[in-house]
Amino acid sequence: MSLTAESLFSSHIRYVRITWVDFLNWTRCRIVPRSAFLNLLTSSRPGVRLTEAALGLVFISLAEGFGASGEWLYVLDLSTLRTCGAYAPGHASVLGYFQRAIPVSFLIAAYWM
């Protein structure tokens, strides 16, 4: 069932699963309470931040090409907000897309200053 942020209360949703597929093709999620999710939506770039290492983590080691520093922003796409149905009553799920946490244009400008 499709949702809007405003309909989370009337749908009795208590938690939102922010779901992504990392760069190793593993499905991961961060479960947040409804109140925290709604607070997240009020920011200028609504999303969650992930370290680069979290995206390349294979068991207890990093995949080649991933470092311990760097950060990505997982920007939420509210058109994908859905209830989890009968398998997780009171939960909704939302997808998104990755962006650099610090835009590249800002990094280039800072480098030349």
Protein backbone atom coordinates (compact mmCIF):
# COMPACT_ATOMS: atom_id res chain seq x y z
CA MET A 1 0.00 0.00 0.00
CA SER A 2 1.37 3.38 -1.01
CA LEU A 3 1.79 6.01 1.74
CA THR A 4 2.59 9.66 2.24
CA ALA A 5 4.52 11.06 5.19
CA GLU A 6 1.29 12.59 6.51
CA SER A 7 -0.56 9.25 6.42
CA LEU A 8 1.92 7.43 8.69
CA PHE A 9 -0.19 8.27 11.75
CA SER A 10 -3.53 7.17 10.30
CA SER A 11 -1.96 3.93 9.01
CA HIS A 12 -0.70 3.09 12.54
CA ILE A 13 2.92 2.94 11.33
CA ARG A 14 5.36 2.97 14.27
CA TYR A 15 8.66 2.31 12.46
CA VAL A 16 10.10 3.06 9.02
CA ARG A 17 12.69 0.78 7.41
CA ILE A 18 15.12 2.83 5.34
CA THR A 19 16.26 0.15 2.90
CA TRP A 20 19.17 0.12 0.44
CA VAL A 21 21.29 -2.31 -1.52
CA ASP A 22 24.98 -1.67 -0.86
CA PHE A 23 27.73 -1.77 -3.48
CA LEU A 24 28.26 -5.50 -2.79
CA ASN A 25 24.61 -6.23 -3.64
CA TRP A 26 23.54 -6.91 -0.04
CA THR A 27 20.19 -5.59 1.13
CA ARG A 28 20.51 -3.56 4.31
CA CYS A 29 18.17 -1.36 6.30
CA ARG A 30 18.07 1.06 9.17
CA ILE A 31 14.88 0.95 11.24
CA VAL A 32 13.89 4.29 12.73
CA PRO A 33 10.88 5.30 14.85
CA ARG A 34 8.18 7.29 13.06
CA SER A 35 9.02 10.49 14.98
CA ALA A 36 12.70 10.30 13.98
CA PHE A 37 11.71 9.65 10.36
CA LEU A 38 9.45 12.71 10.29
CA ASN A 39 12.25 14.83 11.83
CA LEU A 40 14.59 13.53 9.12
CA LEU A 41 12.22 14.84 6.43
CA THR A 42 12.51 18.41 7.73
CA SER A 43 16.26 18.65 6.95
CA SER A 44 17.54 20.37 3.80
CA ARG A 45 18.78 17.03 2.39
CA PRO A 46 16.53 14.33 3.91
CA GLY A 47 18.44 11.10 4.21
CA VAL A 48 20.84 9.08 6.32
CA ARG A 49 24.61 9.23 6.24
CA LEU A 50 26.73 6.12 5.78
CA THR A 51 30.48 5.78 5.90
CA GLU A 52 32.12 4.50 2.74
CA ALA A 53 33.43 1.55 4.72
CA ALA A 54 29.86 0.45 5.55
CA LEU A 55 29.12 0.10 1.84
CA GLY A 56 32.11 -2.14 1.16
CA LEU A 57 32.07 -4.28 4.27
CA VAL A 58 32.34 -8.00 3.60
CA PHE A 59 31.99 -9.86 6.88
CA ILE A 60 34.81 -8.23 8.92
CA SER A 61 37.00 -6.83 6.13
CA LEU A 62 36.71 -4.14 3.46
CA ALA A 63 36.39 -4.97 -0.21
CA GLU A 64 39.16 -3.71 -2.46
CA GLY A 65 38.68 -0.07 -3.40
CA PHE A 66 36.85 0.92 -0.22
CA GLY A 67 38.52 3.04 2.41
CA ALA A 68 37.97 3.79 6.06
CA SER A 69 37.16 7.45 5.34
CA GLY A 70 34.53 9.08 3.17
CA GLU A 71 30.82 9.47 3.56
CA TRP A 72 27.70 8.94 1.45
CA LEU A 73 24.22 10.35 1.91
CA TYR A 74 21.31 7.99 1.23
CA VAL A 75 18.63 10.42 0.03
CA LEU A 76 15.07 9.22 0.63
CA ASP A 77 12.65 8.84 -2.29
CA LEU A 78 9.22 9.32 -0.71
CA SER A 79 7.44 7.98 -3.79
CA THR A 80 8.65 4.52 -2.67
CA LEU A 81 7.15 4.73 0.84
CA ARG A 82 5.06 1.57 1.37
CA THR A 83 3.64 -0.44 4.25
CA CYS A 84 5.39 -3.74 4.98
CA GLY A 85 2.03 -5.51 4.98
CA ALA A 86 1.23 -8.59 7.01
CA TYR A 87 4.85 -9.71 7.50
CA ALA A 88 5.69 -6.65 9.63
CA PRO A 89 2.60 -4.89 10.99
CA GLY A 90 3.27 -1.31 12.07
CA HIS A 91 6.28 -0.99 9.76
CA ALA A 92 6.75 0.88 6.48
CA SER A 93 9.65 0.76 4.05
CA VAL A 94 11.26 3.48 1.92
CA LEU A 95 14.00 3.38 -0.72
CA GLY A 96 16.32 6.10 -1.97
CA TYR A 97 19.54 6.80 -3.84
CA PHE A 98 23.15 7.53 -2.94
CA GLN A 99 24.82 10.93 -3.20
CA ARG A 100 28.16 12.11 -1.90
CA ALA A 101 27.63 13.61 1.57
CA ILE A 102 29.68 16.63 0.52
CA PRO A 103 28.81 17.61 -3.06
CA VAL A 104 31.75 17.31 -5.47
CA SER A 105 31.33 20.92 -6.66
CA PHE A 106 31.89 22.09 -3.06
CA LEU A 107 35.04 19.96 -2.77
CA ILE A 108 36.47 21.37 -6.02
CA ALA A 109 35.73 24.95 -4.93
CA ALA A 110 37.32 24.35 -1.51
CA TYR A 111 40.43 22.87 -3.14
CA TRP A 112 41.04 25.95 -5.30
CA MET A 113 40.52 28.50 -2.51
